[in-house]
Protein backbone atom coordinates (compact mmCIF):
# COMPACT_ATOMS: atom_id res chain seq x y z
CA MET A 1 -8.84 -46.28 -7.24
CA GLY A 2 -7.47 -42.98 -8.53
CA CYS A 3 -4.02 -42.29 -9.87
CA ALA A 4 -1.16 -41.27 -7.60
CA PRO A 5 -1.10 -37.60 -6.58
CA ALA A 6 0.92 -35.20 -8.68
CA ARG A 7 3.22 -32.70 -6.99
CA TYR A 8 3.55 -29.14 -8.26
CA LEU A 9 5.83 -26.26 -7.40
CA VAL A 10 4.06 -22.91 -7.66
CA PHE A 11 5.32 -19.36 -7.37
CA PHE A 12 3.05 -16.55 -6.21
CA GLN A 13 3.14 -12.90 -5.20
CA TYR A 14 0.96 -10.82 -2.92
CA PHE A 15 0.43 -7.55 -1.14
CA GLY A 16 0.48 -8.56 2.50
CA THR A 17 -1.37 -5.56 3.90
CA ARG A 18 -4.62 -7.43 4.56
CA TYR A 19 -3.09 -10.69 5.71
CA SER A 20 -1.68 -11.92 9.01
CA GLY A 21 1.32 -13.32 7.16
CA VAL A 22 1.66 -16.06 4.61
CA VAL A 23 0.99 -19.18 6.70
CA GLU A 24 -2.45 -20.56 7.53
CA THR A 25 -4.38 -19.18 10.48
CA LYS A 26 -7.72 -19.95 12.07
CA SER A 27 -10.44 -18.87 9.66
CA ASP A 28 -12.31 -16.84 12.29
CA GLN A 29 -9.48 -14.34 12.75
CA ALA A 30 -9.89 -10.78 11.55
CA LEU A 31 -6.81 -11.21 9.37
CA VAL A 32 -6.13 -14.62 7.83
CA GLY A 33 -3.02 -15.97 6.16
CA VAL A 34 -2.29 -15.93 2.44
CA GLN A 35 -2.29 -19.73 2.67
CA ASN A 36 -5.96 -19.66 3.71
CA TYR A 37 -6.76 -17.67 0.59
CA LEU A 38 -4.77 -19.99 -1.68
CA GLU A 39 -6.32 -23.16 -0.26
CA LYS A 40 -9.83 -21.74 -0.49
CA ALA A 41 -9.25 -21.12 -4.19
CA ALA A 42 -7.78 -24.61 -4.61
CA GLN A 43 -11.01 -26.16 -3.30
CA ASN A 44 -12.53 -25.33 -6.69
CA LEU A 45 -10.15 -27.77 -8.39
CA LYS A 46 -12.35 -30.60 -7.08
CA ALA A 47 -9.45 -32.78 -5.92
CA SER A 48 -10.34 -36.02 -4.16
CA VAL A 49 -8.12 -35.02 -1.21
CA PRO A 50 -8.02 -31.46 0.22
CA ILE A 51 -5.09 -29.52 -1.23
CA LYS A 52 -2.50 -28.15 1.18
CA PHE A 53 0.05 -25.52 0.25
CA HIS A 54 3.45 -26.14 1.83
CA ILE A 55 4.94 -22.65 1.96
CA SER A 56 8.63 -22.20 1.24
CA SER A 57 9.29 -18.95 3.11
CA ARG A 58 7.34 -17.35 5.95
CA THR A 59 6.43 -13.69 5.89
CA ASP A 60 4.95 -11.73 8.78
CA THR A 61 1.80 -9.65 9.05
CA GLY A 62 1.70 -6.93 6.42
CA VAL A 63 4.83 -8.11 4.59
CA HIS A 64 4.61 -8.33 0.79
CA ALA A 65 6.18 -10.88 -1.54
CA LEU A 66 7.28 -10.43 -5.11
CA CYS A 67 7.94 -14.15 -5.45
CA ASN A 68 7.20 -16.74 -2.78
CA ALA A 69 6.98 -20.47 -3.47
CA ALA A 70 5.03 -23.51 -2.27
CA HIS A 71 4.55 -27.10 -3.29
CA LEU A 72 1.20 -28.89 -3.34
CA ASP A 73 -0.02 -32.39 -4.08
CA ILE A 74 -3.19 -32.88 -6.13
CA GLN A 75 -5.03 -36.20 -6.03
CA ARG A 76 -7.66 -36.45 -8.77
CA GLY A 77 -10.53 -38.90 -9.01
CA PRO A 78 -10.60 -42.16 -11.03
CA GLY A 79 -10.04 -41.66 -14.73
CA LYS A 80 -9.09 -37.99 -14.42
CA PRO A 81 -5.63 -37.07 -15.72
CA HIS A 82 -3.19 -34.85 -13.90
CA PHE A 83 -3.44 -31.12 -14.47
CA SER A 84 -0.90 -29.79 -16.93
CA GLU A 85 1.14 -26.81 -15.75
CA GLU A 86 -0.94 -24.52 -17.96
CA GLN A 87 -4.24 -25.95 -16.68
CA LEU A 88 -3.20 -25.54 -13.04
CA LEU A 89 -1.96 -22.00 -13.61
CA PHE A 90 -5.15 -20.96 -15.37
CA SER A 91 -7.45 -22.68 -12.85
CA LEU A 92 -5.79 -21.24 -9.74
CA ASN A 93 -5.57 -17.73 -11.17
CA TYR A 94 -9.21 -17.91 -12.24
CA HIS A 95 -10.30 -18.53 -8.65
CA LEU A 96 -7.71 -16.19 -7.09
CA ARG A 97 -9.71 -13.07 -7.73
CA PRO A 98 -7.54 -9.98 -7.35
CA GLU A 99 -8.49 -7.65 -4.56
CA PRO A 100 -10.46 -4.68 -5.86
CA ILE A 101 -8.31 -1.59 -6.36
CA ARG A 102 -10.41 1.54 -6.30
CA PRO A 103 -9.41 4.03 -9.02
CA LEU A 104 -8.53 7.51 -7.82
CA ASN A 105 -9.97 10.75 -9.14
CA VAL A 106 -6.58 12.31 -9.75
CA PRO A 107 -7.86 15.66 -11.14
CA ALA A 108 -9.82 16.14 -7.90
CA MET A 109 -6.67 15.35 -5.90
CA GLN A 110 -4.68 17.87 -7.93
CA GLU A 111 -7.37 20.49 -7.32
CA ALA A 112 -7.30 19.81 -3.58
CA ALA A 113 -3.51 19.92 -3.50
CA GLN A 114 -3.56 23.59 -4.57
CA PHE A 115 -5.06 24.53 -1.19
CA LEU A 116 -1.95 23.16 0.53
CA LEU A 117 0.48 25.35 -1.41
CA GLY A 118 1.89 28.39 0.32
CA THR A 119 2.24 29.40 3.95
CA HIS A 120 -0.48 28.19 6.31
CA ASP A 121 -1.20 27.17 9.86
CA PHE A 122 -1.07 23.38 9.43
CA SER A 123 -2.38 22.54 12.92
CA THR A 124 -5.00 20.19 11.44
CA PHE A 125 -2.31 18.32 9.52
CA ARG A 126 0.00 17.49 12.41
CA SER A 127 -0.26 14.73 14.95
CA LEU A 128 0.03 15.86 18.53
CA ASN A 129 3.09 14.80 20.48
CA SER A 130 4.93 15.98 23.57
CA ASP A 131 6.62 18.96 21.93
CA ALA A 132 3.81 19.95 19.54
CA GLU A 133 2.89 23.02 21.59
CA LEU A 134 6.49 24.25 21.51
CA LYS A 135 6.65 24.39 17.71
CA SER A 136 4.88 26.84 15.46
CA PRO A 137 2.28 25.10 13.26
CA VAL A 138 3.01 27.53 10.42
CA ARG A 139 4.80 25.90 7.52
CA THR A 140 5.33 26.68 3.84
CA ILE A 141 4.66 24.17 1.08
CA LEU A 142 6.63 25.20 -1.99
CA GLN A 143 5.54 22.43 -4.33
CA VAL A 144 2.88 19.70 -4.55
CA ASP A 145 3.02 17.38 -7.53
CA ILE A 146 0.78 14.38 -8.28
CA GLN A 147 2.22 12.63 -11.29
CA PRO A 148 2.26 9.19 -12.92
CA SER A 149 5.18 7.10 -11.78
CA PRO A 150 6.63 3.90 -13.23
CA GLY A 151 6.77 2.52 -9.69
CA PHE A 152 9.58 0.19 -8.68
CA LEU A 153 7.04 -2.68 -8.53
CA ALA A 154 5.38 -1.97 -11.87
CA HIS A 155 7.25 -4.61 -13.87
CA HIS A 156 6.11 -7.27 -11.40
CA TYR A 157 2.46 -6.52 -12.24
CA GLU A 158 2.53 -6.34 -16.02
CA HIS A 159 -0.42 -8.76 -16.18
CA ARG A 160 -2.64 -6.23 -14.37
CA PRO A 161 -3.36 -2.70 -15.66
CA LEU A 162 -2.15 -0.98 -12.49
CA GLU A 163 -1.29 2.71 -12.47
CA PHE A 164 1.27 4.03 -10.00
CA TRP A 165 1.14 7.66 -8.88
CA GLU A 166 3.67 9.71 -6.97
CA VAL A 167 2.74 12.55 -4.62
CA LYS A 168 5.69 14.86 -4.02
CA PHE A 169 5.89 17.68 -1.49
CA ARG A 170 8.69 20.22 -1.21
CA GLY A 171 9.00 22.50 1.76
CA ARG A 172 11.53 24.02 4.12
CA SER A 173 10.34 21.89 7.04
CA PHE A 174 7.39 19.75 8.06
CA LEU A 175 5.41 19.12 11.22
CA TYR A 176 5.12 15.75 12.93
CA ARG A 177 3.27 13.43 10.49
CA GLN A 178 2.23 16.41 8.37
CA VAL A 179 3.11 14.75 5.06
CA ARG A 180 1.27 11.53 5.95
CA ARG A 181 -1.83 13.52 6.85
CA MET A 182 -1.68 15.61 3.70
CA VAL A 183 -1.31 12.50 1.54
CA GLY A 184 -4.14 10.78 3.40
CA ALA A 185 -6.45 13.74 2.83
CA LEU A 186 -5.60 13.85 -0.87
CA VAL A 187 -6.23 10.11 -1.24
CA ALA A 188 -9.57 10.55 0.54
CA VAL A 189 -10.43 13.16 -2.09
CA GLY A 190 -9.34 10.77 -4.84
CA GLN A 191 -11.60 8.08 -3.40
CA GLY A 192 -14.56 10.44 -3.15
CA ARG A 193 -14.69 10.39 0.65
CA LEU A 194 -13.81 14.09 0.72
CA ALA A 195 -14.37 16.86 -1.79
CA PRO A 196 -11.48 19.16 -2.78
CA HIS A 197 -12.93 22.07 -0.80
CA HIS A 198 -12.84 19.95 2.36
CA VAL A 199 -9.04 20.19 2.33
CA LYS A 200 -9.37 23.98 2.49
CA GLU A 201 -11.84 23.62 5.36
CA LEU A 202 -9.46 21.33 7.23
CA LEU A 203 -6.72 23.94 6.93
CA GLU A 204 -9.04 26.65 8.21
CA ALA A 205 -10.08 24.53 11.19
CA LYS A 206 -6.52 24.69 12.65
CA ASP A 207 -7.32 21.77 14.93
CA ALA A 208 -5.49 18.43 14.90
CA LEU A 209 -8.64 16.74 16.19
CA ALA A 210 -10.58 17.90 13.13
CA PHE A 211 -8.61 15.58 10.87
CA PRO A 212 -10.77 12.65 9.67
CA PRO A 213 -10.16 9.48 11.69
CA ASN A 214 -8.19 6.70 9.96
CA ALA A 215 -7.34 8.96 7.02
CA MET A 216 -3.61 9.31 7.67
CA ALA A 217 -1.47 7.56 5.06
CA PRO A 218 0.64 4.65 6.34
CA PRO A 219 4.40 5.21 6.70
CA SER A 220 5.33 2.37 4.34
CA GLY A 221 4.87 4.46 1.20
CA LEU A 222 6.73 7.54 2.43
CA PHE A 223 10.21 8.41 1.15
CA LEU A 224 12.52 11.28 2.03
CA LYS A 225 13.72 12.02 -1.49
CA SER A 226 16.40 14.64 -0.89
CA VAL A 227 17.66 17.46 1.32
CA GLU A 228 18.55 20.65 -0.53
CA TYR A 229 20.61 23.69 0.47
CA ASP A 230 20.82 27.07 -1.19
CA GLU A 231 23.79 29.39 -0.98
CA ALA A 232 22.31 31.37 1.90
CA ASP A 233 21.85 28.19 3.95
CA LEU A 234 25.46 27.18 3.38
CA ALA A 235 26.76 30.64 4.25
CA MET A 236 24.95 30.52 7.61
CA THR A 237 26.71 27.30 8.62
CA GLY A 238 30.08 28.98 8.74
CA SER A 239 33.39 27.19 8.34
CA PRO A 240 35.12 24.76 10.74
CA GLY A 241 36.64 26.54 13.68
CA GLU A 242 34.38 29.58 13.50
């Protein structure tokens, strides 16, 4: 007869993009829960009873966690001592292989970004909506910067050599989903799915349907950083009562 099970409290973090949430789901679903992934890794601990993670806090599909918690009971076979905290930590992390993060070819992205500078017909880089035909597709991009960024999550991932990059656009106005499409095209260049000159060709196509399918960047990484006015803009607004 083996020893009594030992109970552990574990803390874990995850990007939730590829998961249906944190709690367990049926294994045949397209997106499974983080719990499925944790328990699959725990099978390698060779416990005499299957290990279940009892999750502290639920998160929904796509939601990330900087620090979630769960408790688990581990029953080991006869004569086998309980895992120490260090042994459990090392063993679980060993089998929790991090998802592959494809490095980006940033110089290629910076080369491609130069084609977006200036005044162009950005028809290819806008999503069509009900008032798209009423607005001119001509816009001016004053600045495109692709620079290293500390990232507000960076200190949570000090154990992994992750690099965070910031893509910044400055312009007088933007079309519907223009920024998300421009970022998506630049990332596609960074991943090698497009060459820098393809961005120029997309601009010249002037056709929203020419934009590569599934290349638009998701909204979750997009920030409106600031709204700026120059003296001429302020003078045009007039004063109260005018």
